[in-house]
Protein backbone atom coordinates (compact mmCIF):
# COMPACT_ATOMS: atom_id res chain seq x y z
CA MET A 1 -0.01 -0.01 0.01
CA LYS A 2 1.33 3.49 -0.86
CA VAL A 3 0.31 6.69 0.83
CA ARG A 4 0.74 10.02 -0.87
CA PRO A 5 0.31 12.94 1.59
CA LEU A 6 -1.77 15.90 0.35
CA ARG A 7 -0.70 19.54 0.29
CA ASP A 8 1.38 20.40 3.37
CA ARG A 9 1.21 16.95 4.95
CA VAL A 10 4.28 14.77 5.60
CA LEU A 11 4.47 11.00 6.25
CA VAL A 12 7.11 10.20 8.91
CA LYS A 13 8.33 6.87 10.10
CA PRO A 14 9.38 7.15 13.78
CA LEU A 15 12.85 5.92 14.58
CA THR A 16 13.05 3.19 17.20
CA GLU A 17 15.01 3.69 20.41
CA LYS A 18 17.84 1.59 19.00
CA GLU A 19 18.16 3.88 16.04
CA VAL A 20 18.18 7.03 18.26
CA VAL A 21 21.51 7.69 20.08
CA LYS A 22 20.61 8.52 23.64
CA ALA A 23 22.91 10.02 26.26
CA GLU A 24 20.62 9.01 29.09
CA LYS A 25 21.20 5.77 31.06
CA GLU A 26 18.40 3.37 31.97
CA VAL A 27 19.43 3.43 35.68
CA VAL A 28 19.16 6.78 37.39
CA LYS A 29 21.45 8.08 40.20
CA GLY A 30 19.41 6.60 43.00
CA GLY A 31 19.59 3.14 41.48
CA ILE A 32 16.02 3.25 40.22
CA ILE A 33 15.52 1.30 36.96
CA ILE A 34 13.15 2.83 34.52
CA PRO A 35 11.04 0.19 32.76
CA ASP A 36 10.64 0.31 28.96
CA THR A 37 6.94 1.11 29.24
CA ALA A 38 7.62 4.31 31.19
CA LYS A 39 10.18 5.67 28.79
CA GLU A 40 9.15 8.46 26.40
CA LYS A 41 9.01 7.64 22.71
CA PRO A 42 11.69 9.37 20.66
CA ASN A 43 10.42 12.33 18.66
CA GLU A 44 12.69 11.60 15.73
CA GLY A 45 11.82 10.05 12.43
CA GLU A 46 12.55 9.74 8.78
CA VAL A 47 10.43 11.45 6.14
CA ILE A 48 8.93 8.73 3.87
CA ALA A 49 6.74 11.01 1.65
CA VAL A 50 5.77 14.69 1.29
CA GLY A 51 2.81 16.47 -0.20
CA SER A 52 2.91 19.03 -3.05
CA GLY A 53 3.19 22.05 -0.76
CA ARG A 54 1.24 24.61 1.16
CA VAL A 55 -1.32 26.67 -0.77
CA LEU A 56 -1.00 30.37 0.03
CA GLU A 57 -3.81 32.93 0.17
CA ASP A 58 -3.02 34.09 -3.33
CA GLY A 59 -3.37 30.59 -4.70
CA LYS A 60 0.37 29.93 -5.24
CA VAL A 61 1.86 26.69 -3.89
CA HIS A 62 4.80 27.03 -1.57
CA PRO A 63 7.01 23.90 -1.64
CA LEU A 64 7.84 22.17 1.60
CA ASP A 65 11.21 22.54 3.35
CA VAL A 66 11.57 18.85 4.03
CA LYS A 67 12.07 16.08 1.49
CA LYS A 68 11.98 12.30 1.36
CA GLY A 69 14.82 10.79 3.36
CA ASP A 70 15.26 13.69 5.79
CA LYS A 71 15.70 12.81 9.49
CA VAL A 72 13.47 15.21 11.50
CA ILE A 73 12.48 16.10 15.03
CA TYR A 74 8.72 16.57 15.47
CA SER A 75 6.45 17.79 18.22
CA LYS A 76 5.38 15.16 20.76
CA TYR A 77 1.68 15.28 20.09
CA GLY A 78 1.77 16.30 16.42
CA GLY A 79 0.12 14.30 13.68
CA THR A 80 -2.02 11.22 13.45
CA GLU A 81 -0.55 7.75 14.00
CA ILE A 82 -1.40 5.23 11.31
CA LYS A 83 -0.25 1.72 10.40
CA ILE A 84 0.97 0.94 6.94
CA GLU A 85 1.69 -2.72 6.25
CA GLY A 86 2.03 -3.39 9.97
CA GLU A 87 4.49 -0.54 10.62
CA GLU A 88 3.81 2.59 12.67
CA HIS A 89 3.87 5.90 10.77
CA ILE A 90 2.75 9.44 11.63
CA LEU A 91 0.94 11.70 9.13
CA MET A 92 1.47 15.33 10.13
CA LYS A 93 1.51 18.90 8.87
CA GLU A 94 4.94 20.34 8.00
CA GLU A 95 4.47 22.85 10.85
CA ASP A 96 4.55 20.00 13.40
CA ILE A 97 8.17 19.35 12.29
CA LEU A 98 10.55 21.26 14.53
CA GLY A 99 13.82 20.69 12.70
CA ILE A 100 15.89 18.61 10.25
CA ILE A 101 18.77 16.55 11.70
CA SER A 102 21.95 16.75 9.57
């Protein structure tokens, strides 16, 4: 199944914790072990597909700043989670993307 985002929407595949380099340790200073279920999901992902762009008030289409293959940081509660062929993806507006990781 293929999904093509419309207009200013972006399809992002969240990176797993193994793919995200974390500086934090699983055991905090007091010796408390944080279980996997209590850990926050990483807010990093890879852009899988992008829409045609944002339509401005004068009718012109402004292209998106992100492109397929970019690694991005997105807002924690941005977008809609969907499953494509059993894998988690997030469909969000470009404005929910906070930055591109280079």
